[in-house]
Structure formats: C-alpha cells, structure tokens
Amino acid sequence: MPILRYTASADTTITDAYKFGLQTRATGSNMGESDSLQIFSIYGQTSGSNGIFTSVEKSRSLINFSSSVDQIVVDRTANTIPASGSMSFYLRMFNAKTPFTLPKKFTLMIHPVSRSWQEGDGLDMETYIDTGYANWDMASSDSSGVTAWTNEGGDYHTGAYVAGTSVPSYSQYLEKGTEDLEINITALVEEWISSNGETATANYGVGIMLTSSQEDGSAQRSYYIKKFFARGTEYFFKQPVIEARWDDSRKDDRGDFYLSSSLVSATDNLNTLYLYNYVRGKLQNIPDVGTGTILLSLYSGSSSPTSYKFLLPIGGGVVSDKQTNVTGGYVSTGIYSASFATTSSVSQTPAYFNRFARSSDTTVQYLYDVWHSETTEYFTGSAISPKTYAANSVVLADEIKWVTKITNLKPIYRANEKARFRLFTRTQNWSPTIYTKATTAIEPTIIRDAYYKIYRIYDNLEVISYGTGSIKYTQLSYDANGNYFDVDMKILEPGYSYGIKILSIDSGVTQENSEIYKFRVE
C-alpha cells in the first residue's frame, strides 16, 4: 500500500477585492464553506485621484492539514507508512473549471502559514456578502476577542527562521492555467511532524498565492481567475490532499534466482532472498534478532539440504572468499532480507565445491537457504532451482509481450479492505511441452519491473497513476509465486467500479498490457 491520501482539515479564500459597485473592498468576507478556492490578481478596475486605473485586488487560499498530520503521526508510529527519509509527501489540488477568464503563464507560491486561523462558514464568492473569520484582515475570533493578521492577507513563513535555515516554501509554474497543483512538500510535512506545535514551523497549513510581482500589479496586468476544488466539494477525488508515496516493492528472487555470470553487471549478479516470520498469521520480529542483523547460508541437495555450505564469492554481503555466511538485515516487522551473489552451480562435479563437498556427491539439483544466528537456526527455505545467464548468436525480438491475469481478483471489495492482488504472467507465444504429467503446475514468469494503475470505469478518471518516476510507488513486488501488489481500498470512492492496468518496462521498452481487471468497491 505505497500510496495514502490525507484530506484537508480546513480551507478558505481570503480577498481584498472590490464588492459590487467598486466602492468597498471585501476584506471582511469569508468563504470557508465554499466548494472551491480562488487565487487571482485584478489590475486597474478603479482609478486613483489622478484618474489613472492602477488599482490592485488580490485573492489567496488557505489550507490546513492539522488532523491529517496527526493521522500521519499515528500511521508512522504503527508502521503503516515508512520512517522519515523513506517516503515523500505531495500537496495535490485539482483544477476547478470556471466560465470566467483563465490566467496563463503564471506561478503559484505555497508558503507555510505562521499563525492559527479559522475556516469560517461563509459561502458567497461573487458579491462577498458573507462575513467572518478568517478574512483578509483577521485570522480568528474567540471569547477573548478577534486576532488580526500581522500583515494584511495573512502571515507566512517566507524568510529565515532558525540560524539562517530557510523555511520550506514551494512554487509551481502553470503554462495553460488548467493544470492541477502537485508539489513535493516532504520537508514541510516532516517539519510539522517533528514540531508538535512548538517551533516556528508549527502546523497552521499553507497559503497559496501568486508571486509578489504577479500579485502587486507591477506587471500591469490581471491574473484572473484560478480555481481549485475545496474540501467541501461533492467530488471525492477532487478534495485537496497530502498524498504519501513510497516504494514498498519487495523483489524476492527465490523464484528467479541466477548464478553469477561475467555477462552481466555486479548489480545484476546479486540475488535477494526474504524471510517472513509469521506467528499465528501475523508478522512478528524474531526475538533474538529484533531489528538487527541475521545470517544466511546456502546449502546444496537433491531433495533436502546437505550438511555442507556452499562457498560464496566476495560481494553482496560476503566479505571473505572463505566466508560461508551472508549478513542479512531487518526490512520491516517480521521481515528480513539478504542479498548476495554465488557462482555455485547445480550441475558441477564435487571438485567444484572444494573442501565443502563430500566424495559421495556427484550432482546438486537445488540450493537451500538457511537463516540463523551463530548459535540458532531459525528457518530453512524451500528448494531454489538456479538459472544461468546466456548470450545468443541470433537477434531476438526486441519486445517481449506478456499475457497476464489477476488470479485472486474478487468482483467486490469493502471500502475498509486492504487487498493483495496476485498476478500470473507468461509470455504471449509460450507453448509448453509436457512429457510426463499433464497436471504439472505452470510456473509464472516474473516481470522484474512492472507497475499498476487504477482508474474509474464510468468516466476513465485516473485515480492512481503509474508510479514510474523517482518514487516507484506503484511498482509490483514479486516472490516465488509471481508478481503482486497491495491496495488500500479506502483511497477509492465506494459505489463505483474500477479498472486495473499493468505496465512493464524491459530493457528500456515500455508496454501497457491490453488486459483490464475490473472490480467494484462497496
């Protein structure tokens, strides 16, 4: 579940625009209950005493994520999301169409708000007849009185605050004006998480506005009007959110294990194996290991591991050519992994195994991974049948086409369900030849670099995009049973049907499979 969304706790628009008649400014207006947010700058609607039209009217949006950040802290404590440094947070806002003019080629600034403020219950965004707090002049009101902004239009972090450290501020350029807002605000969210309301970056949300030069009229032009959906919108997927993204894919090479070869790089020669410690159906840390290191040894055998370890080469956790243990480590609760390379072959004679071979051994069919400490054996894995890399004397097809199927797809999922989807894959032109048993199970082909996306069926709205960028948040995992991925259904709106599509990348060639896997969320 490498993607979660946290919706805004409060939002509103504040403005000093003129009311109808262009005589009075709406600095006391409140729009906290509106289903949209406005950002604009209007130049030259009224004239000064000299008769020159140079007036400037501005509108900004405020968004608070206080309860969402509280939930992020809860989720991090529960290991639902990774620790700081292992994930990213994105501010996402969605364009709201408007019948009015639309600015182009402008930049939106996102500054942390430095003072507590109220959302208010105003609604009117046309004539500004609803008043309340927050507004252009005032931040909030309570039994002790009204609290004004130090600066008209809101107080924001825009400079240094501690020993010259810059406050995280952000910007996004909009060429057409119809773009959504999507900005990596990880540094700011981590500040909010760690501040606990005690530092200069306490969580009062963010303000969204035009740059100072576009907002103050110095360009002698208007930027009217950019709208985003507010948290009160009826559209489930259009609410302002903080989107948490991380790569939780696990690539367990137990079913795709290769012997080392000079034909490939050192990185490609590495294999990674995983140990999953389930206790009564739940993952739990091994008490003697905890979050520390664990050792792995490889044994040979035709039907079970022998008493002799393989001699592993240097690299991938092996620090000596005489060492037979690989040092593995903690991944997450109850899960450990180890990466290594080995030149041990399943078809070599006893001389290959050097002093670790017994004279009675002639061939070795399988490898077995044994996880242990110096004194205690924890687990022996199932038989691994290693493969070998091979060159070719003919030109092969540049593009391998896949046939895929989600074998455990259900027609309906609950909105609070966390589902794991299992993918069976084979090459399109695969033609098996069975010499013995017609009931022999077909082994899946593992796609080492594959991604999923989810879209809503009735309007093709892309809910989760292919995460193929720097954060591969929709990358598929794999193990001996093939590829798989997890989805937390709470990020999908109930009452609709959705489709899953799969994308694979092989040697720089990207292809989207034609299959669509449909399900409904209730």
Protein backbone atom coordinates (compact mmCIF):
# COMPACT_ATOMS: atom_id res chain seq x y z
CA MET A 1 0.00 0.00 0.00
CA PRO A 2 2.57 2.59 -1.06
CA ILE A 3 0.09 5.44 -1.51
CA LEU A 4 -2.22 7.06 1.06
CA ARG A 5 -4.18 10.31 0.92
CA TYR A 6 -4.88 12.68 3.79
CA THR A 7 -7.61 15.24 3.17
CA ALA A 8 -7.56 18.87 4.27
CA SER A 9 -8.98 19.75 7.70
CA ALA A 10 -9.97 23.32 6.79
CA ASP A 11 -9.73 25.69 3.84
CA THR A 12 -10.96 29.11 2.83
CA THR A 13 -10.38 32.02 0.44
CA ILE A 14 -9.41 35.49 1.65
CA THR A 15 -9.55 38.58 -0.55
CA ASP A 16 -9.37 42.37 -0.68
CA ALA A 17 -11.32 42.51 -3.95
CA TYR A 18 -13.92 45.19 -4.52
CA LYS A 19 -17.55 44.38 -3.87
CA PHE A 20 -20.21 45.08 -6.48
CA GLY A 21 -20.11 48.75 -7.37
CA LEU A 22 -16.33 49.00 -6.95
CA GLN A 23 -16.62 51.24 -3.91
CA THR A 24 -15.93 48.97 -0.93
CA ARG A 25 -13.34 46.22 -0.53
CA ALA A 26 -14.44 42.80 0.75
CA THR A 27 -11.64 42.49 3.31
CA GLY A 28 -14.09 41.16 5.92
CA SER A 29 -15.63 38.49 3.70
CA ASN A 30 -15.36 34.80 4.49
CA MET A 31 -15.74 31.81 2.13
CA GLY A 32 -14.91 28.86 4.38
CA GLU A 33 -17.93 26.77 3.31
CA SER A 34 -17.45 27.26 -0.42
CA ASP A 35 -16.79 24.20 -2.57
CA SER A 36 -13.96 25.94 -4.42
CA LEU A 37 -10.90 28.10 -3.71
CA GLN A 38 -9.84 31.18 -5.65
CA ILE A 39 -6.48 32.75 -6.44
CA PHE A 40 -6.28 35.90 -8.54
CA SER A 41 -4.96 39.40 -9.04
CA ILE A 42 -7.05 42.06 -10.80
CA TYR A 43 -5.31 45.16 -12.12
CA GLY A 44 -6.83 48.54 -12.97
CA GLN A 45 -10.55 48.20 -12.19
CA THR A 46 -10.69 51.61 -10.48
CA SER A 47 -8.76 54.84 -10.86
CA GLY A 48 -6.96 56.95 -8.33
CA SER A 49 -7.20 60.70 -7.76
CA ASN A 50 -5.12 61.22 -10.87
CA GLY A 51 -7.65 59.33 -12.99
CA ILE A 52 -5.24 56.51 -13.84
CA PHE A 53 -6.61 52.97 -13.41
CA THR A 54 -3.97 51.34 -11.20
CA SER A 55 -5.97 49.56 -8.51
CA VAL A 56 -4.97 46.04 -7.47
CA GLU A 57 -7.27 43.38 -5.99
CA LYS A 58 -5.94 40.09 -4.66
CA SER A 59 -7.26 36.71 -3.58
CA ARG A 60 -5.41 33.92 -1.76
CA SER A 61 -6.31 30.47 -0.48
CA LEU A 62 -5.56 28.95 2.92
CA ILE A 63 -5.49 25.19 3.56
CA ASN A 64 -4.94 23.45 6.88
CA PHE A 65 -3.97 19.78 7.34
CA SER A 66 -3.76 19.61 11.14
CA SER A 67 -5.87 16.47 11.66
CA SER A 68 -4.24 14.85 8.65
CA VAL A 69 -0.76 15.42 10.07
CA ASP A 70 -1.97 13.95 13.37
CA GLN A 71 -3.07 10.86 11.43
CA ILE A 72 0.27 10.73 9.61
CA VAL A 73 1.99 10.60 13.01
CA VAL A 74 -0.33 7.75 14.08
CA ASP A 75 0.31 5.86 10.85
CA ARG A 76 4.06 6.27 11.16
CA THR A 77 4.03 5.03 14.75
CA ALA A 78 2.03 1.99 13.60
CA ASN A 79 4.49 1.40 10.70
CA THR A 80 1.66 1.92 8.22
CA ILE A 81 3.92 4.41 6.48
CA PRO A 82 7.75 4.39 6.46
CA ALA A 83 10.09 6.48 8.56
CA SER A 84 11.34 9.90 7.57
CA GLY A 85 13.69 9.74 4.59
CA SER A 86 11.98 6.69 3.11
CA MET A 87 8.93 8.40 1.63
CA SER A 88 7.61 11.63 0.14
CA PHE A 89 4.57 13.84 0.70
CA TYR A 90 2.86 15.71 -2.12
CA LEU A 91 0.38 18.56 -1.90
CA ARG A 92 -2.29 17.85 -4.51
CA MET A 93 -5.06 20.25 -5.54
CA PHE A 94 -7.35 19.86 -8.51
CA ASN A 95 -8.37 22.41 -11.09
CA ALA A 96 -12.00 23.56 -11.00
CA LYS A 97 -13.38 24.69 -14.33
CA THR A 98 -14.77 28.21 -14.45
CA PRO A 99 -16.78 30.16 -17.06
CA PHE A 100 -14.59 33.20 -16.39
CA THR A 101 -11.29 34.11 -17.98
CA LEU A 102 -8.29 32.00 -17.07
CA PRO A 103 -4.74 33.25 -16.48
CA LYS A 104 -1.85 31.66 -18.33
CA LYS A 105 1.91 31.54 -17.81
CA PHE A 106 1.89 32.28 -14.08
CA THR A 107 3.44 30.85 -10.92
CA LEU A 108 1.73 29.86 -7.70
CA MET A 109 3.63 30.16 -4.42
CA ILE A 110 2.98 27.86 -1.48
CA HIS A 111 4.09 29.35 1.85
CA PRO A 112 3.59 27.84 5.33
CA VAL A 113 1.16 29.90 7.42
CA SER A 114 2.73 31.17 10.64
CA ARG A 115 -0.42 31.86 12.68
CA SER A 116 -3.51 29.94 13.72
CA TRP A 117 -6.65 30.78 11.72
CA GLN A 118 -10.28 29.75 11.39
CA GLU A 119 -12.10 28.33 8.41
CA GLY A 120 -15.41 30.15 8.92
CA ASP A 121 -18.81 29.37 7.46
CA GLY A 122 -19.16 31.94 4.69
CA LEU A 123 -20.16 30.81 1.23
CA ASP A 124 -20.62 33.70 -1.21
CA MET A 125 -17.71 34.13 -3.67
CA GLU A 126 -19.48 36.54 -6.02
CA THR A 127 -20.85 39.50 -4.06
CA TYR A 128 -18.94 38.81 -0.83
CA ILE A 129 -21.95 39.33 1.43
CA ASP A 130 -20.85 36.65 3.94
CA THR A 131 -18.52 37.93 6.62
CA GLY A 132 -16.50 36.09 9.26
CA TYR A 133 -13.09 34.68 10.09
CA ALA A 134 -10.60 34.10 8.62
CA ASN A 135 -10.64 37.01 6.19
CA TRP A 136 -8.13 39.37 4.58
CA ASP A 137 -7.66 41.38 7.79
CA MET A 138 -8.42 38.94 10.61
CA ALA A 139 -7.18 35.43 11.34
CA SER A 140 -9.59 34.25 14.01
CA SER A 141 -12.04 35.11 16.75
CA ASP A 142 -12.81 33.58 20.14
CA SER A 143 -14.21 34.55 23.54
CA SER A 144 -11.19 36.75 24.23
CA GLY A 145 -11.61 38.76 21.05
CA VAL A 146 -10.54 38.98 17.45
CA THR A 147 -6.96 38.21 16.35
CA ALA A 148 -5.72 40.19 13.39
CA TRP A 149 -3.09 39.10 10.93
CA THR A 150 0.17 40.92 11.49
CA ASN A 151 0.15 41.55 7.74
CA GLU A 152 -2.95 42.04 5.64
CA GLY A 153 -3.63 38.95 3.58
CA GLY A 154 -2.16 36.53 6.10
CA ASP A 155 1.10 35.75 7.88
CA TYR A 156 3.51 33.34 6.20
CA HIS A 157 6.99 31.95 6.53
CA THR A 158 8.90 33.45 3.64
CA GLY A 159 12.34 34.03 5.16
CA ALA A 160 14.90 32.52 7.54
CA TYR A 161 13.66 31.40 10.94
CA VAL A 162 16.37 29.47 12.81
CA ALA A 163 20.08 30.15 12.37
CA GLY A 164 19.61 31.08 8.76
CA THR A 165 17.74 27.92 7.87
CA SER A 166 15.30 28.53 5.04
CA VAL A 167 11.63 27.86 5.60
CA PRO A 168 10.29 25.28 3.14
CA SER A 169 8.39 27.31 0.53
CA TYR A 170 7.37 25.98 -2.84
CA SER A 171 6.18 27.06 -6.26
CA GLN A 172 4.66 25.62 -9.42
CA TYR A 173 4.55 27.21 -12.86
CA LEU A 174 1.30 26.85 -14.80
CA GLU A 175 1.61 27.25 -18.55
CA LYS A 176 -2.02 26.80 -19.57
CA GLY A 177 -3.73 27.65 -16.30
CA THR A 178 -5.83 24.49 -16.27
CA GLU A 179 -3.18 22.38 -14.54
CA ASP A 180 -3.64 20.67 -11.19
CA LEU A 181 -1.26 21.50 -8.36
CA GLU A 182 1.19 18.72 -7.45
CA ILE A 183 4.19 19.71 -5.33
CA ASN A 184 6.59 17.69 -3.23
CA ILE A 185 6.28 19.22 0.27
CA THR A 186 8.08 16.44 2.15
CA ALA A 187 10.42 18.80 4.04
CA LEU A 188 7.49 20.87 5.30
CA VAL A 189 5.40 17.89 6.41
CA GLU A 190 8.38 16.42 8.25
CA GLU A 191 8.80 19.80 9.98
CA TRP A 192 5.16 19.68 11.01
CA ILE A 193 5.53 16.14 12.31
CA SER A 194 8.60 16.94 14.39
CA SER A 195 7.50 20.37 15.65
CA ASN A 196 4.50 19.27 17.73
CA GLY A 197 3.32 22.89 17.66
CA GLU A 198 6.40 24.19 19.45
CA THR A 199 8.58 25.67 16.70
CA ALA A 200 8.34 28.33 14.02
CA THR A 201 7.03 25.72 11.61
CA ALA A 202 4.08 24.61 13.72
CA ASN A 203 1.32 23.25 11.52
CA TYR A 204 -1.04 26.05 10.53
CA GLY A 205 -1.25 24.88 6.96
CA VAL A 206 -0.22 26.69 3.80
CA GLY A 207 -1.22 29.76 1.85
CA ILE A 208 -1.43 29.64 -1.94
CA MET A 209 -0.98 32.84 -3.91
CA LEU A 210 0.58 34.38 -6.99
CA THR A 211 4.17 35.58 -6.89
CA SER A 212 4.63 39.08 -5.47
CA SER A 213 5.39 40.56 -8.90
CA GLN A 214 2.28 38.98 -10.42
CA GLU A 215 0.10 39.89 -7.47
CA ASP A 216 1.10 43.51 -6.80
CA GLY A 217 0.20 44.97 -10.19
CA SER A 218 3.76 45.80 -11.19
CA ALA A 219 3.26 43.75 -14.36
CA GLN A 220 0.23 45.97 -15.14
CA ARG A 221 -1.93 43.00 -16.00
CA SER A 222 -4.54 40.82 -14.36
CA TYR A 223 -4.30 37.11 -13.47
CA TYR A 224 -7.97 36.18 -13.18
CA ILE A 225 -9.16 33.60 -12.07
CA LYS A 226 -7.57 30.32 -10.98
CA LYS A 227 -9.89 27.97 -9.09
CA PHE A 228 -9.28 24.73 -7.23
CA PHE A 229 -11.80 22.40 -5.65
CA ALA A 230 -12.12 22.85 -1.87
CA ARG A 231 -12.59 20.15 0.72
CA GLY A 232 -16.35 20.74 0.62
CA THR A 233 -16.64 19.60 -2.99
CA GLU A 234 -19.03 16.79 -3.84
CA TYR A 235 -16.31 15.15 -5.93
CA PHE A 236 -14.48 12.55 -3.85
CA PHE A 237 -11.22 12.60 -5.83
CA LYS A 238 -11.02 16.40 -6.13
CA GLN A 239 -10.51 17.32 -2.48
CA PRO A 240 -7.17 18.92 -1.50
CA VAL A 241 -4.95 16.19 -0.09
CA ILE A 242 -1.49 15.42 1.15
CA GLU A 243 -0.53 12.30 -0.77
CA ALA A 244 2.00 9.99 0.87
CA ARG A 245 4.10 7.97 -1.60
CA TRP A 246 6.79 5.40 -1.09
CA ASP A 247 8.21 2.32 -2.78
CA ASP A 248 7.29 -0.77 -0.77
CA SER A 249 8.01 -3.30 -3.52
CA ARG A 250 9.89 -6.40 -2.46
CA LYS A 251 11.87 -8.31 -5.04
CA ASP A 252 12.33 -11.81 -3.67
CA ASP A 253 14.47 -13.77 -6.14
CA ARG A 254 13.55 -17.18 -4.76
CA GLY A 255 11.68 -17.97 -7.97
CA ASP A 256 14.06 -16.05 -10.25
CA PHE A 257 17.49 -16.93 -8.85
CA TYR A 258 20.52 -16.58 -11.15
CA LEU A 259 24.07 -17.80 -10.81
CA SER A 260 26.77 -15.20 -11.25
CA SER A 261 28.00 -14.53 -14.76
CA SER A 262 30.57 -12.31 -16.43
CA LEU A 263 27.89 -11.45 -18.98
CA VAL A 264 26.08 -9.11 -16.55
CA SER A 265 26.99 -6.36 -14.11
CA ALA A 266 27.79 -6.87 -10.45
CA THR A 267 24.40 -5.45 -9.53
CA ASP A 268 22.55 -7.87 -11.80
CA ASN A 269 24.53 -10.76 -10.32
CA LEU A 270 23.03 -10.08 -6.89
CA ASN A 271 20.07 -12.12 -5.70
CA THR A 272 17.85 -11.07 -2.80
CA LEU A 273 16.03 -13.55 -0.58
CA TYR A 274 13.43 -12.74 2.09
CA LEU A 275 12.43 -14.35 5.35
CA TYR A 276 8.85 -13.74 6.58
CA ASN A 277 8.33 -14.61 10.24
CA TYR A 278 4.59 -15.26 10.67
CA VAL A 279 3.33 -16.06 14.17
CA ARG A 280 -0.35 -17.11 14.26
CA GLY A 281 -0.91 -15.33 10.96
CA LYS A 282 0.79 -12.06 11.94
CA LEU A 283 4.30 -10.86 11.13
CA GLN A 284 6.47 -10.57 14.23
CA ASN A 285 10.15 -9.86 14.77
CA ILE A 286 12.36 -12.79 15.73
CA PRO A 287 13.01 -12.08 19.44
CA ASP A 288 16.76 -12.74 19.33
CA VAL A 289 17.17 -10.69 16.15
CA GLY A 290 14.72 -7.82 16.58
CA THR A 291 15.71 -5.09 14.13
CA GLY A 292 19.33 -6.26 13.96
CA THR A 293 21.26 -8.49 11.59
CA ILE A 294 20.66 -12.09 10.68
CA LEU A 295 22.89 -14.66 8.94
CA LEU A 296 22.09 -16.71 5.84
CA SER A 297 23.90 -19.76 4.49
CA LEU A 298 23.34 -21.70 1.28
CA TYR A 299 23.29 -25.49 1.26
CA SER A 300 23.08 -27.95 -1.62
CA GLY A 301 20.96 -31.03 -2.02
CA SER A 302 18.82 -33.04 -4.38
CA SER A 303 15.80 -33.29 -2.06
CA SER A 304 16.97 -31.61 1.16
CA PRO A 305 19.94 -29.51 2.29
CA THR A 306 23.19 -31.35 3.00
CA SER A 307 25.43 -30.56 5.93
CA TYR A 308 27.89 -28.56 3.84
CA LYS A 309 27.62 -24.92 2.91
CA PHE A 310 28.43 -23.51 -0.48
CA LEU A 311 31.48 -21.37 -0.87
CA LEU A 312 30.20 -17.92 -1.82
CA PRO A 313 32.23 -15.34 -3.74
CA ILE A 314 33.15 -11.89 -2.48
CA GLY A 315 30.42 -9.24 -2.76
CA GLY A 316 26.80 -8.70 -1.80
CA GLY A 317 27.25 -9.16 1.92
CA VAL A 318 30.08 -11.69 1.70
CA VAL A 319 33.32 -10.13 2.94
CA SER A 320 35.74 -13.01 2.55
CA ASP A 321 36.29 -15.69 -0.06
CA LYS A 322 36.34 -18.22 2.79
CA GLN A 323 33.15 -16.95 4.43
CA THR A 324 30.02 -19.04 4.06
CA ASN A 325 27.55 -16.70 5.80
CA VAL A 326 25.76 -13.76 4.22
CA THR A 327 24.81 -10.95 6.59
CA GLY A 328 21.15 -10.01 6.20
CA GLY A 329 19.13 -7.26 7.82
CA TYR A 330 15.78 -6.03 9.05
CA VAL A 331 13.24 -4.78 6.48
CA SER A 332 10.06 -4.23 8.49
CA THR A 333 8.17 -6.00 11.25
CA GLY A 334 8.85 -9.72 10.90
CA ILE A 335 10.59 -9.40 7.53
CA TYR A 336 14.34 -9.82 6.89
CA SER A 337 16.34 -9.94 3.68
CA ALA A 338 19.83 -10.75 2.43
CA SER A 339 21.49 -10.01 -0.92
CA PHE A 340 24.42 -11.93 -2.36
CA ALA A 341 25.94 -13.45 -5.47
CA THR A 342 27.03 -17.06 -5.92
CA THR A 343 28.88 -18.99 -8.63
CA SER A 344 27.94 -22.35 -7.12
CA SER A 345 26.41 -24.46 -9.87
CA VAL A 346 23.79 -27.17 -9.60
CA SER A 347 25.50 -29.24 -12.26
CA GLN A 348 29.15 -29.18 -11.19
CA THR A 349 31.29 -32.09 -10.01
CA PRO A 350 32.47 -32.42 -6.39
CA ALA A 351 35.80 -30.76 -7.24
CA TYR A 352 33.95 -27.51 -7.81
CA PHE A 353 32.76 -27.42 -4.22
CA ASN A 354 36.31 -27.67 -2.98
CA ARG A 355 36.67 -28.74 0.65
CA PHE A 356 32.95 -28.31 1.30
CA ALA A 357 31.95 -31.26 -0.91
CA ARG A 358 31.57 -34.85 0.13
CA SER A 359 33.03 -37.61 -2.06
CA SER A 360 29.59 -39.20 -2.39
CA ASP A 361 28.13 -36.07 -4.02
CA THR A 362 28.04 -36.16 -7.79
CA THR A 363 25.47 -33.55 -8.81
CA VAL A 364 23.46 -30.93 -6.97
CA GLN A 365 19.94 -30.11 -8.12
CA TYR A 366 18.82 -27.40 -5.71
CA LEU A 367 20.01 -24.71 -3.34
CA TYR A 368 18.55 -24.20 0.15
CA ASP A 369 18.74 -21.01 2.22
CA VAL A 370 19.19 -21.42 5.95
CA TRP A 371 18.63 -18.38 8.21
CA HIS A 372 20.38 -18.43 11.56
CA SER A 373 22.49 -16.72 14.17
CA GLU A 374 25.86 -18.06 15.21
CA THR A 375 24.10 -20.47 17.57
CA THR A 376 20.45 -20.84 16.49
CA GLU A 377 18.83 -21.93 13.23
CA TYR A 378 15.58 -20.08 12.51
CA PHE A 379 14.36 -21.24 9.13
CA THR A 380 15.22 -23.40 6.11
CA GLY A 381 13.78 -22.21 2.82
CA SER A 382 12.24 -24.28 0.08
CA ALA A 383 14.33 -25.61 -2.79
CA ILE A 384 15.72 -23.00 -5.17
CA SER A 385 16.40 -24.01 -8.75
CA PRO A 386 19.01 -21.53 -10.02
CA LYS A 387 19.13 -20.26 -13.59
CA THR A 388 22.07 -19.19 -15.72
CA TYR A 389 22.62 -16.19 -17.96
CA ALA A 390 23.39 -16.97 -21.59
CA ALA A 391 24.32 -14.99 -24.67
CA ASN A 392 22.84 -15.75 -28.10
CA SER A 393 24.12 -15.96 -31.63
CA VAL A 394 20.90 -14.66 -33.22
CA VAL A 395 18.90 -11.47 -32.84
CA LEU A 396 15.90 -11.98 -30.58
CA ALA A 397 12.69 -9.96 -30.60
CA ASP A 398 13.20 -6.53 -29.03
CA GLU A 399 9.84 -6.61 -27.32
CA ILE A 400 8.51 -9.42 -25.16
CA LYS A 401 4.73 -9.43 -24.97
CA TRP A 402 3.06 -10.67 -21.80
CA VAL A 403 -0.21 -12.38 -21.05
CA THR A 404 -1.33 -11.57 -17.51
CA LYS A 405 -4.15 -12.48 -15.18
CA ILE A 406 -5.01 -11.48 -11.62
CA THR A 407 -5.71 -14.89 -10.19
CA ASN A 408 -7.37 -13.82 -6.94
CA LEU A 409 -9.46 -10.89 -8.25
CA LYS A 410 -12.82 -10.51 -6.50
CA PRO A 411 -15.82 -8.78 -8.06
CA ILE A 412 -16.43 -6.62 -4.96
CA TYR A 413 -14.17 -5.24 -2.22
CA ARG A 414 -15.10 -3.48 1.01
CA ALA A 415 -14.15 0.18 1.39
CA ASN A 416 -12.08 -0.61 4.50
CA GLU A 417 -10.31 -3.58 2.93
CA LYS A 418 -6.60 -3.90 2.25
CA ALA A 419 -6.35 -6.18 -0.75
CA ARG A 420 -3.42 -8.05 -2.25
CA PHE A 421 -3.62 -8.76 -5.98
CA ARG A 422 -1.70 -11.77 -7.33
CA LEU A 423 -0.59 -11.61 -10.96
CA PHE A 424 0.09 -14.67 -13.10
CA THR A 425 2.26 -13.88 -16.12
CA ARG A 426 3.56 -15.77 -19.11
CA THR A 427 4.99 -14.73 -22.45
CA GLN A 428 2.43 -14.37 -25.22
CA ASN A 429 3.88 -17.03 -27.54
CA TRP A 430 4.61 -19.53 -24.79
CA SER A 431 3.89 -23.11 -25.87
CA PRO A 432 4.52 -25.80 -23.24
CA THR A 433 5.61 -29.33 -23.96
CA ILE A 434 4.59 -31.75 -21.23
CA TYR A 435 6.35 -35.10 -21.30
CA THR A 436 5.13 -36.58 -18.04
CA LYS A 437 2.20 -35.24 -16.03
CA ALA A 438 -0.47 -33.17 -17.69
CA THR A 439 -1.33 -31.80 -14.26
CA THR A 440 2.10 -30.23 -13.73
CA ALA A 441 1.64 -26.70 -12.35
CA ILE A 442 2.67 -23.93 -14.71
CA GLU A 443 5.31 -21.70 -13.19
CA PRO A 444 4.69 -17.96 -13.57
CA THR A 445 7.12 -15.72 -15.41
CA ILE A 446 8.30 -12.89 -13.18
CA ILE A 447 8.27 -9.33 -14.55
CA ARG A 448 11.08 -7.60 -12.70
CA ASP A 449 9.97 -4.04 -13.50
CA ALA A 450 6.18 -3.70 -13.66
CA TYR A 451 3.62 -1.11 -12.43
CA TYR A 452 -0.13 -0.83 -11.97
CA LYS A 453 -2.64 1.98 -12.36
CA ILE A 454 -6.27 2.22 -11.27
CA TYR A 455 -8.98 4.23 -12.99
CA ARG A 456 -12.72 4.69 -12.52
CA ILE A 457 -14.67 2.84 -15.20
CA TYR A 458 -17.58 5.16 -15.93
CA ASP A 459 -15.56 8.32 -16.68
CA ASN A 460 -12.00 6.94 -17.12
CA LEU A 461 -10.78 9.13 -14.24
CA GLU A 462 -7.24 8.03 -13.39
CA VAL A 463 -7.24 7.56 -9.63
CA ILE A 464 -3.74 6.10 -9.20
CA SER A 465 -1.25 6.70 -12.00
CA TYR A 466 1.71 4.54 -12.99
CA GLY A 467 4.41 5.43 -10.45
CA THR A 468 7.40 5.10 -12.75
CA GLY A 469 9.25 8.24 -11.64
CA SER A 470 11.84 8.72 -8.94
CA ILE A 471 9.40 7.29 -6.38
CA LYS A 472 8.19 3.98 -7.77
CA TYR A 473 5.08 3.92 -5.64
CA THR A 474 3.08 1.51 -7.85
CA GLN A 475 5.88 -0.92 -8.65
CA LEU A 476 4.90 -4.58 -8.35
CA SER A 477 6.62 -6.88 -5.90
CA TYR A 478 7.43 -10.49 -6.68
CA ASP A 479 8.30 -13.75 -4.94
CA ALA A 480 8.36 -17.42 -5.87
CA ASN A 481 4.64 -17.29 -6.72
CA GLY A 482 4.97 -14.38 -9.15
CA ASN A 483 4.19 -10.65 -9.08
CA TYR A 484 1.80 -9.00 -6.62
CA PHE A 485 0.77 -5.60 -5.24
CA ASP A 486 -1.36 -4.22 -2.39
CA VAL A 487 -4.11 -1.59 -2.49
CA ASP A 488 -5.79 0.12 0.46
CA MET A 489 -9.40 0.42 -0.71
CA LYS A 490 -10.10 3.44 1.47
CA ILE A 491 -8.47 5.68 -1.13
CA LEU A 492 -11.22 4.66 -3.63
CA GLU A 493 -14.74 6.09 -3.56
CA PRO A 494 -17.35 3.43 -2.71
CA GLY A 495 -20.18 2.73 -5.09
CA TYR A 496 -18.12 2.68 -8.27
CA SER A 497 -16.36 0.15 -10.48
CA TYR A 498 -12.64 0.44 -11.17
CA GLY A 499 -10.19 -1.00 -13.63
CA ILE A 500 -6.57 -2.10 -13.17
CA LYS A 501 -4.00 -1.99 -15.94
CA ILE A 502 -0.40 -3.25 -15.89
CA LEU A 503 2.67 -1.61 -17.43
CA SER A 504 6.02 -3.37 -17.87
CA ILE A 505 9.45 -1.94 -18.64
CA ASP A 506 12.10 -4.25 -20.09
CA SER A 507 15.46 -3.01 -21.42
CA GLY A 508 14.02 0.45 -21.88
CA VAL A 509 10.96 -0.82 -23.76
CA THR A 510 7.67 0.22 -22.15
CA GLN A 511 4.46 -1.61 -22.91
CA GLU A 512 0.99 -1.48 -21.43
CA ASN A 513 -0.86 -4.78 -21.37
CA SER A 514 -4.27 -4.78 -23.02
CA GLU A 515 -5.97 -6.70 -20.21
CA ILE A 516 -8.27 -4.74 -17.87
CA TYR A 517 -9.15 -6.17 -14.45
CA LYS A 518 -12.42 -4.79 -13.12
CA PHE A 519 -13.80 -4.70 -9.60
CA ARG A 520 -16.25 -2.68 -7.52
CA VAL A 521 -15.85 -1.02 -4.13
CA GLU A 522 -18.81 -1.05 -1.73
